[in-house]
Amino acid sequence: MNGTLLGEVVSLQDPEFSKMAQAIDRAQQIIAKLNTGYHNADEVRLLFGELTGNDIDESFELLPPFYTDFGQNIKVGQDVFINSGCTIMDRGGITLEDHVLIAPKVNLVTTNHPISPSNRRSTISKPIYIKKRAWIGIAATIMPGVTVGENSIVSAGAVVTKDVPDNVIVAGVPAKVIKSIEE
């Protein structure tokens, strides 16, 4: 779908929109399999690989249920852990680098809507990057276009609307730096 990853407005009237709708439908079918019944770690990795279209390292862990809208724009490194109840809206692209920890009920959302009421059903997507060894706390929300720096912590319940530097802890709504992390 043209514009999905480029920060452009994508309208329901776009002639290519049906391709996006088909990709969303595909993702929902795989998510239904993933979230139904018990799957061991290897089965979860296989389903996640099918969803993303990527080979998934054996060190990757995901505890279902898990939710996404698209699935094909998620990239995960080694030793990534995603806890249960997370939502990753990835039309804009989401990268989780090595050793990232994602707590329960985290929301990583790359898609937003225009402010104008007449155009609000359209979408705009921007990528999210979570750098090495970052930890995203319970029920935190990361908004479109945000990068979370290496080793940083996003506190539980925070809403991150701007980039987070390396080696800090952010908290609040909107999230602000509350502490530096020193090794």
C-alpha atoms as a PDB file:
ATOM      1  CA  MET A   1       0.000   0.000   0.000  1.00  0.00           C
ATOM      2  CA  ASN A   2       1.632   3.225  -1.142  1.00  0.00           C
ATOM      3  CA  GLY A   3       2.043   5.781   1.653  1.00  0.00           C
ATOM      4  CA  THR A   4       1.655   3.320   4.530  1.00  0.00           C
ATOM      5  CA  LEU A   5       5.255   3.745   5.647  1.00  0.00           C
ATOM      6  CA  LEU A   6       5.921   7.242   4.358  1.00  0.00           C
ATOM      7  CA  GLY A   7       3.945   9.507   6.699  1.00  0.00           C
ATOM      8  CA  GLU A   8       1.478  10.306   3.926  1.00  0.00           C
ATOM      9  CA  VAL A   9      -2.286  10.508   4.354  1.00  0.00           C
ATOM     10  CA  VAL A  10      -3.932   7.268   3.225  1.00  0.00           C
ATOM     11  CA  SER A  11      -7.600   7.650   2.336  1.00  0.00           C
ATOM     12  CA  LEU A  12     -10.293   4.985   2.226  1.00  0.00           C
ATOM     13  CA  GLN A  13     -10.839   6.178  -1.356  1.00  0.00           C
ATOM     14  CA  ASP A  14      -7.237   5.391  -2.340  1.00  0.00           C
ATOM     15  CA  PRO A  15      -7.374   2.883  -5.219  1.00  0.00           C
ATOM     16  CA  GLU A  16      -4.771   0.773  -3.391  1.00  0.00           C
ATOM     17  CA  PHE A  17      -6.718   0.692  -0.092  1.00  0.00           C
ATOM     18  CA  SER A  18      -8.175  -2.746  -0.862  1.00  0.00           C
ATOM     19  CA  LYS A  19      -4.630  -4.191  -0.686  1.00  0.00           C
ATOM     20  CA  MET A  20      -4.231  -2.776   2.831  1.00  0.00           C
ATOM     21  CA  ALA A  21      -7.623  -4.176   3.812  1.00  0.00           C
ATOM     22  CA  GLN A  22      -6.557  -7.614   2.538  1.00  0.00           C
ATOM     23  CA  ALA A  23      -3.298  -7.425   4.559  1.00  0.00           C
ATOM     24  CA  ILE A  24      -5.265  -6.467   7.665  1.00  0.00           C
ATOM     25  CA  ASP A  25      -7.638  -9.396   7.117  1.00  0.00           C
ATOM     26  CA  ARG A  26      -4.646 -11.759   6.724  1.00  0.00           C
ATOM     27  CA  ALA A  27      -3.144 -10.484   9.981  1.00  0.00           C
ATOM     28  CA  GLN A  28      -6.429 -10.983  11.836  1.00  0.00           C
ATOM     29  CA  GLN A  29      -6.613 -14.608  10.682  1.00  0.00           C
ATOM     30  CA  ILE A  30      -3.106 -15.324  12.018  1.00  0.00           C
ATOM     31  CA  ILE A  31      -3.797 -13.432  15.272  1.00  0.00           C
ATOM     32  CA  ALA A  32      -6.941 -15.530  15.770  1.00  0.00           C
ATOM     33  CA  LYS A  33      -4.809 -18.695  15.547  1.00  0.00           C
ATOM     34  CA  LEU A  34      -2.181 -17.261  17.886  1.00  0.00           C
ATOM     35  CA  ASN A  35      -4.715 -16.183  20.503  1.00  0.00           C
ATOM     36  CA  THR A  36      -6.834 -19.362  20.430  1.00  0.00           C
ATOM     37  CA  GLY A  37      -5.801 -22.280  22.612  1.00  0.00           C
ATOM     38  CA  TYR A  38      -2.383 -23.095  23.986  1.00  0.00           C
ATOM     39  CA  HIS A  39       0.786 -22.834  21.876  1.00  0.00           C
ATOM     40  CA  ASN A  40       4.267 -23.698  23.087  1.00  0.00           C
ATOM     41  CA  ALA A  41       7.113 -21.214  22.542  1.00  0.00           C
ATOM     42  CA  ASP A  42       8.152 -22.748  19.205  1.00  0.00           C
ATOM     43  CA  GLU A  43       4.589 -22.607  17.862  1.00  0.00           C
ATOM     44  CA  VAL A  44       4.246 -18.979  18.980  1.00  0.00           C
ATOM     45  CA  ARG A  45       7.480 -18.091  17.167  1.00  0.00           C
ATOM     46  CA  LEU A  46       6.280 -19.864  13.997  1.00  0.00           C
ATOM     47  CA  LEU A  47       2.954 -18.007  14.030  1.00  0.00           C
ATOM     48  CA  PHE A  48       4.704 -14.693  14.752  1.00  0.00           C
ATOM     49  CA  GLY A  49       7.088 -15.388  11.861  1.00  0.00           C
ATOM     50  CA  GLU A  50       4.126 -16.109   9.585  1.00  0.00           C
ATOM     51  CA  LEU A  51       2.514 -12.859  10.711  1.00  0.00           C
ATOM     52  CA  THR A  52       5.611 -10.712  10.137  1.00  0.00           C
ATOM     53  CA  GLY A  53       6.975 -12.572   7.136  1.00  0.00           C
ATOM     54  CA  ASN A  54      10.371 -12.750   8.860  1.00  0.00           C
ATOM     55  CA  ASP A  55      12.518 -15.448  10.407  1.00  0.00           C
ATOM     56  CA  ILE A  56      12.213 -15.063  14.171  1.00  0.00           C
ATOM     57  CA  ASP A  57      15.221 -15.790  16.381  1.00  0.00           C
ATOM     58  CA  GLU A  58      14.742 -18.665  18.835  1.00  0.00           C
ATOM     59  CA  SER A  59      15.486 -16.255  21.703  1.00  0.00           C
ATOM     60  CA  PHE A  60      12.268 -14.281  20.951  1.00  0.00           C
ATOM     61  CA  GLU A  61       9.431 -14.740  23.463  1.00  0.00           C
ATOM     62  CA  LEU A  62       5.813 -13.668  23.199  1.00  0.00           C
ATOM     63  CA  LEU A  63       3.031 -14.420  25.685  1.00  0.00           C
ATOM     64  CA  PRO A  64      -0.389 -14.260  23.992  1.00  0.00           C
ATOM     65  CA  PRO A  65      -2.845 -12.745  23.667  1.00  0.00           C
ATOM     66  CA  PHE A  66      -1.274 -10.359  21.176  1.00  0.00           C
ATOM     67  CA  TYR A  67      -2.958  -7.865  18.861  1.00  0.00           C
ATOM     68  CA  THR A  68      -1.894  -6.109  15.680  1.00  0.00           C
ATOM     69  CA  ASP A  69      -3.541  -4.496  12.687  1.00  0.00           C
ATOM     70  CA  PHE A  70      -1.053  -5.329   9.945  1.00  0.00           C
ATOM     71  CA  GLY A  71       1.792  -7.534  11.197  1.00  0.00           C
ATOM     72  CA  GLN A  72       4.050  -7.319   8.174  1.00  0.00           C
ATOM     73  CA  ASN A  73       5.909  -4.221   9.378  1.00  0.00           C
ATOM     74  CA  ILE A  74       7.178  -5.610  12.713  1.00  0.00           C
ATOM     75  CA  LYS A  75      10.893  -6.350  13.084  1.00  0.00           C
ATOM     76  CA  VAL A  76      12.292  -7.934  16.246  1.00  0.00           C
ATOM     77  CA  GLY A  77      15.903  -8.555  17.252  1.00  0.00           C
ATOM     78  CA  GLN A  78      17.366 -11.182  19.547  1.00  0.00           C
ATOM     79  CA  ASP A  79      16.245 -11.730  23.144  1.00  0.00           C
ATOM     80  CA  VAL A  80      13.104  -9.640  22.691  1.00  0.00           C
ATOM     81  CA  PHE A  81      10.296 -10.351  25.166  1.00  0.00           C
ATOM     82  CA  ILE A  82       6.682  -9.232  24.609  1.00  0.00           C
ATOM     83  CA  ASN A  83       4.350  -9.905  27.528  1.00  0.00           C
ATOM     84  CA  SER A  84       0.617 -10.610  27.275  1.00  0.00           C
ATOM     85  CA  GLY A  85      -2.109  -8.275  26.122  1.00  0.00           C
ATOM     86  CA  CYS A  86       0.051  -6.001  23.961  1.00  0.00           C
ATOM     87  CA  THR A  87      -1.202  -4.146  20.907  1.00  0.00           C
ATOM     88  CA  ILE A  88       1.233  -3.306  18.127  1.00  0.00           C
ATOM     89  CA  MET A  89      -0.358  -1.225  15.363  1.00  0.00           C
ATOM     90  CA  ASP A  90       2.471  -1.495  12.855  1.00  0.00           C
ATOM     91  CA  ARG A  91       1.364   0.027   9.549  1.00  0.00           C
ATOM     92  CA  GLY A  92       4.117   2.644   9.932  1.00  0.00           C
ATOM     93  CA  GLY A  93       6.734   0.065  10.900  1.00  0.00           C
ATOM     94  CA  ILE A  94       7.934  -1.028  14.330  1.00  0.00           C
ATOM     95  CA  THR A  95      11.470  -2.093  15.157  1.00  0.00           C
ATOM     96  CA  LEU A  96      12.314  -3.742  18.475  1.00  0.00           C
ATOM     97  CA  GLU A  97      16.089  -4.042  18.705  1.00  0.00           C
ATOM     98  CA  ASP A  98      17.971  -6.692  20.733  1.00  0.00           C
ATOM     99  CA  HIS A  99      17.131  -7.267  24.412  1.00  0.00           C
ATOM    100  CA  VAL A 100      13.967  -5.116  24.403  1.00  0.00           C
ATOM    101  CA  LEU A 101      11.402  -5.864  27.123  1.00  0.00           C
ATOM    102  CA  ILE A 102       7.730  -5.092  26.528  1.00  0.00           C
ATOM    103  CA  ALA A 103       5.511  -5.372  29.623  1.00  0.00           C
ATOM    104  CA  PRO A 104       1.826  -6.428  29.624  1.00  0.00           C
ATOM    105  CA  LYS A 105      -0.801  -4.261  27.925  1.00  0.00           C
ATOM    106  CA  VAL A 106       1.701  -2.001  26.143  1.00  0.00           C
ATOM    107  CA  ASN A 107       0.436  -0.122  23.068  1.00  0.00           C
ATOM    108  CA  LEU A 108       2.831   0.674  20.211  1.00  0.00           C
ATOM    109  CA  VAL A 109       0.767   2.715  17.756  1.00  0.00           C
ATOM    110  CA  THR A 110       2.214   3.928  14.446  1.00  0.00           C
ATOM    111  CA  THR A 111      -1.048   5.123  12.901  1.00  0.00           C
ATOM    112  CA  ASN A 112      -3.018   8.281  13.616  1.00  0.00           C
ATOM    113  CA  HIS A 113      -5.748  10.281  11.883  1.00  0.00           C
ATOM    114  CA  PRO A 114      -5.769  13.805  10.421  1.00  0.00           C
ATOM    115  CA  ILE A 115      -7.225  16.537  12.623  1.00  0.00           C
ATOM    116  CA  SER A 116      -9.648  17.784   9.960  1.00  0.00           C
ATOM    117  CA  PRO A 117     -13.113  16.232  10.554  1.00  0.00           C
ATOM    118  CA  SER A 118     -13.718  15.885   6.807  1.00  0.00           C
ATOM    119  CA  ASN A 119     -10.559  13.761   6.418  1.00  0.00           C
ATOM    120  CA  ARG A 120     -10.528  11.943   9.764  1.00  0.00           C
ATOM    121  CA  ARG A 121     -11.254   8.459   8.376  1.00  0.00           C
ATOM    122  CA  SER A 122      -7.911   8.643   6.569  1.00  0.00           C
ATOM    123  CA  THR A 123      -4.717   7.541   8.312  1.00  0.00           C
ATOM    124  CA  ILE A 124      -1.127   8.752   8.675  1.00  0.00           C
ATOM    125  CA  SER A 125       1.534   6.256   9.764  1.00  0.00           C
ATOM    126  CA  LYS A 126       5.022   6.935  11.155  1.00  0.00           C
ATOM    127  CA  PRO A 127       7.571   4.368  12.421  1.00  0.00           C
ATOM    128  CA  ILE A 128       8.407   3.516  16.027  1.00  0.00           C
ATOM    129  CA  TYR A 129      11.925   2.431  17.017  1.00  0.00           C
ATOM    130  CA  ILE A 130      12.664   0.822  20.370  1.00  0.00           C
ATOM    131  CA  LYS A 131      16.452   0.707  20.764  1.00  0.00           C
ATOM    132  CA  LYS A 132      18.601  -1.964  22.439  1.00  0.00           C
ATOM    133  CA  ARG A 133      17.872  -2.924  26.045  1.00  0.00           C
ATOM    134  CA  ALA A 134      14.924  -0.532  26.381  1.00  0.00           C
ATOM    135  CA  TRP A 135      12.136  -1.538  28.758  1.00  0.00           C
ATOM    136  CA  ILE A 136       8.560  -0.439  28.132  1.00  0.00           C
ATOM    137  CA  GLY A 137       6.494  -0.631  31.337  1.00  0.00           C
ATOM    138  CA  ILE A 138       2.979  -1.954  31.926  1.00  0.00           C
ATOM    139  CA  ALA A 139       0.227  -0.225  29.923  1.00  0.00           C
ATOM    140  CA  ALA A 140       2.572   2.386  28.456  1.00  0.00           C
ATOM    141  CA  THR A 141       1.632   3.855  25.079  1.00  0.00           C
ATOM    142  CA  ILE A 142       4.190   4.846  22.448  1.00  0.00           C
ATOM    143  CA  MET A 143       2.778   7.162  19.770  1.00  0.00           C
ATOM    144  CA  PRO A 144       3.616   7.386  16.027  1.00  0.00           C
ATOM    145  CA  GLY A 145       7.097   8.531  15.024  1.00  0.00           C
ATOM    146  CA  VAL A 146       8.731   7.993  18.444  1.00  0.00           C
ATOM    147  CA  THR A 147      12.167   6.495  19.091  1.00  0.00           C
ATOM    148  CA  VAL A 148      12.942   5.127  22.569  1.00  0.00           C
ATOM    149  CA  GLY A 149      16.688   5.288  23.236  1.00  0.00           C
ATOM    150  CA  GLU A 150      19.069   2.525  24.276  1.00  0.00           C
ATOM    151  CA  ASN A 151      18.764   1.296  27.864  1.00  0.00           C
ATOM    152  CA  SER A 152      15.877   3.667  28.562  1.00  0.00           C
ATOM    153  CA  ILE A 153      12.797   2.827  30.607  1.00  0.00           C
ATOM    154  CA  VAL A 154       9.267   3.989  29.881  1.00  0.00           C
ATOM    155  CA  SER A 155       7.386   3.860  33.187  1.00  0.00           C
ATOM    156  CA  ALA A 156       4.063   2.092  33.617  1.00  0.00           C
ATOM    157  CA  GLY A 157       1.134   4.039  32.197  1.00  0.00           C
ATOM    158  CA  ALA A 158       3.284   6.642  30.440  1.00  0.00           C
ATOM    159  CA  VAL A 159       2.185   8.115  27.114  1.00  0.00           C
ATOM    160  CA  VAL A 160       5.246   8.831  24.977  1.00  0.00           C
ATOM    161  CA  THR A 161       4.675  11.506  22.336  1.00  0.00           C
ATOM    162  CA  LYS A 162       8.312  12.564  21.724  1.00  0.00           C
ATOM    163  CA  ASP A 163      11.635  10.781  21.309  1.00  0.00           C
ATOM    164  CA  VAL A 164      13.234   9.395  24.471  1.00  0.00           C
ATOM    165  CA  PRO A 165      17.022   9.849  24.788  1.00  0.00           C
ATOM    166  CA  ASP A 166      19.377   6.972  25.654  1.00  0.00           C
ATOM    167  CA  ASN A 167      19.827   5.995  29.320  1.00  0.00           C
ATOM    168  CA  VAL A 168      16.856   7.766  30.918  1.00  0.00           C
ATOM    169  CA  ILE A 169      13.580   6.941  32.648  1.00  0.00           C
ATOM    170  CA  VAL A 170      10.455   8.714  31.410  1.00  0.00           C
ATOM    171  CA  ALA A 171       7.073   8.840  33.137  1.00  0.00           C
ATOM    172  CA  GLY A 172       3.766  10.657  32.947  1.00  0.00           C
ATOM    173  CA  VAL A 173       1.247  11.895  30.415  1.00  0.00           C
ATOM    174  CA  PRO A 174       2.838  13.165  28.289  1.00  0.00           C
ATOM    175  CA  ALA A 175       6.033  11.364  29.290  1.00  0.00           C
ATOM    176  CA  LYS A 176       8.947  13.451  30.543  1.00  0.00           C
ATOM    177  CA  VAL A 177      12.458  12.496  31.662  1.00  0.00           C
ATOM    178  CA  ILE A 178      12.450  11.919  35.433  1.00  0.00           C
ATOM    179  CA  LYS A 179      15.857  10.296  35.925  1.00  0.00           C
ATOM    180  CA  SER A 180      19.111   9.379  34.183  1.00  0.00           C
ATOM    181  CA  ILE A 181      20.342   5.801  34.216  1.00  0.00           C
ATOM    182  CA  GLU A 182      23.964   5.251  35.092  1.00  0.00           C
ATOM    183  CA  GLU A 183      25.703   1.883  34.762  1.00  0.00           C
END
